Protein backbone atom coordinates (compact mmCIF):
# COMPACT_ATOMS: atom_id res chain seq x y z
CA MET A 1 -91.85 14.33 16.17
CA GLU A 2 -89.66 11.58 17.45
CA ASP A 3 -90.09 9.89 20.82
CA PHE A 4 -88.00 11.17 23.68
CA PRO A 5 -86.70 8.38 25.97
CA GLU A 6 -87.82 8.19 29.57
CA ASP A 7 -84.56 6.86 31.03
CA HIS A 8 -81.98 9.50 32.08
CA GLU A 9 -79.05 7.67 30.51
CA ASP A 10 -80.93 7.20 27.23
CA GLN A 11 -81.89 10.89 27.25
CA VAL A 12 -78.25 11.92 27.58
CA LYS A 13 -77.21 9.55 24.79
CA GLU A 14 -79.99 10.89 22.59
CA ILE A 15 -78.91 14.51 23.15
CA TYR A 16 -75.33 13.68 22.14
CA ALA A 17 -76.58 11.70 19.13
CA ARG A 18 -78.85 14.55 17.97
CA PHE A 19 -76.06 17.05 18.44
CA GLY A 20 -73.79 14.83 16.35
CA LEU A 21 -76.41 14.64 13.59
CA ALA A 22 -76.81 18.42 13.54
CA ILE A 23 -73.05 19.01 13.30
CA TYR A 24 -72.81 16.28 10.66
CA GLN A 25 -75.48 18.09 8.63
CA ALA A 26 -73.49 21.33 8.94
CA GLN A 27 -70.49 19.50 7.47
CA CYS A 28 -72.70 18.17 4.66
CA LEU A 29 -73.64 21.77 3.89
CA GLU A 30 -69.95 22.75 3.83
CA HIS A 31 -69.23 19.89 1.45
CA GLY A 32 -72.22 20.90 -0.67
CA LEU A 33 -70.80 24.39 -0.99
CA VAL A 34 -67.43 23.02 -2.10
CA ASN A 35 -69.17 20.77 -4.63
CA ALA A 36 -71.18 23.78 -5.86
CA LEU A 37 -67.95 25.74 -6.34
CA VAL A 38 -66.50 22.87 -8.38
CA ILE A 39 -69.53 22.90 -10.65
CA LEU A 40 -70.08 26.66 -10.85
CA ASP A 41 -66.49 27.90 -10.82
CA LEU A 42 -63.79 25.29 -11.37
CA ILE A 43 -65.27 23.35 -14.27
CA PRO A 44 -66.39 26.32 -16.38
CA ASN A 45 -63.24 28.36 -15.74
CA GLU A 46 -60.42 25.82 -15.46
CA ARG A 47 -61.42 22.70 -17.38
CA HIS A 48 -59.55 23.90 -20.46
CA ARG A 49 -56.23 23.97 -18.55
CA ALA A 50 -56.00 20.21 -18.08
CA LYS A 51 -54.33 18.32 -20.91
CA HIS A 52 -55.28 14.86 -19.63
CA ARG A 53 -57.43 13.17 -17.02
CA LEU A 54 -54.71 12.81 -14.38
CA GLU A 55 -53.93 16.51 -14.59
CA TRP A 56 -57.64 17.35 -14.28
CA GLU A 57 -58.00 15.10 -11.24
CA GLY A 58 -55.06 16.93 -9.66
CA LEU A 59 -56.69 20.30 -10.36
CA VAL A 60 -59.97 19.15 -8.82
CA ASP A 61 -58.25 17.72 -5.74
CA SER A 62 -56.19 20.87 -5.25
CA PHE A 63 -59.23 23.12 -5.71
CA MET A 64 -61.33 21.12 -3.26
CA ASP A 65 -58.52 20.90 -0.70
CA SER A 66 -58.12 24.68 -0.78
CA LYS A 67 -61.86 25.20 -0.31
CA PHE A 68 -62.11 22.71 2.56
CA GLU A 69 -59.62 24.89 4.44
CA LEU A 70 -62.10 27.79 4.39
CA THR A 71 -64.74 28.51 6.98
CA LEU A 72 -68.41 28.06 6.21
CA GLY A 73 -68.82 31.83 6.11
CA LYS A 74 -66.04 32.21 3.54
CA LEU A 75 -67.52 29.42 1.42
CA ILE A 76 -70.88 31.20 1.42
CA LYS A 77 -69.22 34.47 0.36
CA LEU A 78 -67.29 32.67 -2.37
CA LEU A 79 -70.50 31.14 -3.69
CA GLY A 80 -71.96 34.66 -3.97
CA ALA A 81 -68.87 35.78 -5.86
CA VAL A 82 -69.23 33.08 -8.54
CA THR A 83 -73.02 33.01 -9.01
CA ALA A 84 -76.19 34.90 -8.26
CA VAL A 85 -77.59 33.42 -5.07
CA PRO A 86 -81.38 33.69 -4.72
CA ASP A 87 -82.48 35.76 -1.71
CA ASN A 88 -84.17 32.84 0.00
CA LEU A 89 -81.06 30.66 -0.24
CA SER A 90 -78.88 33.56 0.90
CA LYS A 91 -81.05 34.00 4.00
CA ASN A 92 -81.05 30.25 4.69
CA LEU A 93 -77.27 30.02 4.29
CA THR A 94 -76.78 32.99 6.64
CA SER A 95 -79.08 31.36 9.20
CA ALA A 96 -77.30 28.03 8.75
CA LEU A 97 -73.94 29.72 9.34
CA LYS A 98 -75.17 31.30 12.58
CA LEU A 99 -76.67 28.01 13.71
CA ARG A 100 -73.53 26.01 12.88
CA ASN A 101 -71.35 28.48 14.77
CA TYR A 102 -73.71 28.44 17.73
CA LEU A 103 -73.72 24.65 17.85
CA ALA A 104 -69.96 24.36 17.48
CA HIS A 105 -68.96 27.10 19.91
CA HIS A 106 -71.74 27.71 22.42
CA TYR A 107 -74.44 25.05 22.50
CA PHE A 108 -73.51 22.87 25.46
CA ARG A 109 -72.19 25.75 27.54
CA GLU A 110 -75.41 27.70 27.08
CA ARG A 111 -77.59 24.63 27.63
CA SER A 112 -75.78 23.36 30.73
CA GLU A 113 -78.77 24.04 33.01
CA ASP A 114 -81.20 22.42 30.60
CA PHE A 115 -79.00 19.36 30.49
CA LEU A 116 -79.61 18.82 34.23
CA SER A 117 -83.35 18.08 34.00
CA ALA A 118 -85.54 15.78 31.92
CA LYS A 119 -87.66 18.76 30.86
CA GLY A 120 -84.55 20.68 29.77
CA ARG A 121 -83.15 17.67 27.94
CA LYS A 122 -86.48 17.36 26.11
CA ARG A 123 -86.17 21.00 24.99
CA MET A 124 -82.62 20.27 23.81
CA PHE A 125 -83.80 17.15 21.99
CA ASP A 126 -86.48 19.10 20.12
CA GLU A 127 -84.12 21.99 19.42
CA LEU A 128 -81.45 19.71 17.98
CA ILE A 129 -83.98 18.03 15.69
CA GLN A 130 -84.99 21.49 14.44
CA SER A 131 -81.34 22.43 14.02
CA TYR A 132 -80.70 19.36 11.90
CA ASP A 133 -83.78 20.12 9.80
CA GLN A 134 -82.76 23.75 9.28
CA LEU A 135 -79.27 22.78 8.13
CA ALA A 136 -80.65 20.04 5.87
CA LYS A 137 -83.09 22.53 4.32
CA ALA A 138 -80.25 24.90 3.41
CA ASP A 139 -78.24 22.02 1.94
CA ASP A 140 -81.22 20.77 -0.08
CA GLU A 141 -81.94 24.27 -1.38
CA LEU A 142 -78.31 24.69 -2.40
CA SER A 143 -78.44 21.38 -4.27
CA ARG A 144 -81.55 22.48 -6.15
CA ILE A 145 -79.92 25.66 -7.45
CA VAL A 146 -76.74 23.82 -8.49
CA GLU A 147 -78.60 20.92 -10.15
CA PRO A 148 -79.28 22.67 -13.52
CA ALA A 149 -75.62 23.67 -13.91
CA ALA A 150 -74.51 20.15 -13.01
CA ALA A 151 -76.94 18.65 -15.54
CA ARG A 152 -75.59 20.98 -18.28
CA LEU A 153 -72.14 19.56 -17.51
CA GLY A 154 -73.46 16.00 -17.83
CA LEU A 155 -73.70 15.32 -14.10
CA THR A 156 -77.39 14.41 -14.12
CA SER A 157 -79.25 13.15 -11.07
CA GLU A 158 -79.40 9.72 -12.75
CA LEU A 159 -75.62 9.66 -13.15
CA GLN A 160 -75.15 10.79 -9.55
CA GLU A 161 -77.46 8.04 -8.34
CA SER A 162 -75.59 5.46 -10.41
CA LEU A 163 -72.23 6.62 -9.04
CA PHE A 164 -73.60 6.49 -5.50
CA LYS A 165 -74.82 2.93 -6.02
CA GLU A 166 -71.34 1.95 -7.26
CA LEU A 167 -69.82 3.54 -4.19
CA LEU A 168 -72.18 1.62 -1.91
CA GLU A 169 -71.42 -1.65 -3.66
CA ARG A 170 -67.66 -1.10 -3.32
CA ALA A 171 -68.07 -0.20 0.36
CA GLN A 172 -70.14 -3.31 1.05
CA HIS A 173 -67.68 -5.46 -0.85
CA ASP A 174 -64.87 -4.17 1.38
CA LEU A 175 -66.73 -5.30 4.52
């Protein structure tokens, strides 16, 4: 477990930082679901419609934009409509949805008393680390079930790593 700061101000900063990481991980899960839908639905069912690369890029952008407008719950349902979702992943996605909604809509209101004491802030700190881990676990599990379909389409883990390195290099070059 990570060290909890002793200073009040540092504790408060750490709570906000951990909350931000947990919500960030929820957004990563949402993005992972959209990516999964591209691989499991769009590519197999719509790839033939594009006559050239620019048209395909437009289809992908439009598809992704429409999916990013959906809630996490709707994305999870859509995933189940396009592929068989293993029971364990289904349970983890349902738990992740409940956790994300709790964090986004209730967390600080329901933890207002805890936020007033060092002991309460420590509980929040630990809880937010667990929340991040739970959301990351669901995202990782989703990635593992999508990976074989992506590899069949030529999007291997090696290619993904190479593309990520290119992205990092471009980002560092822009600094």
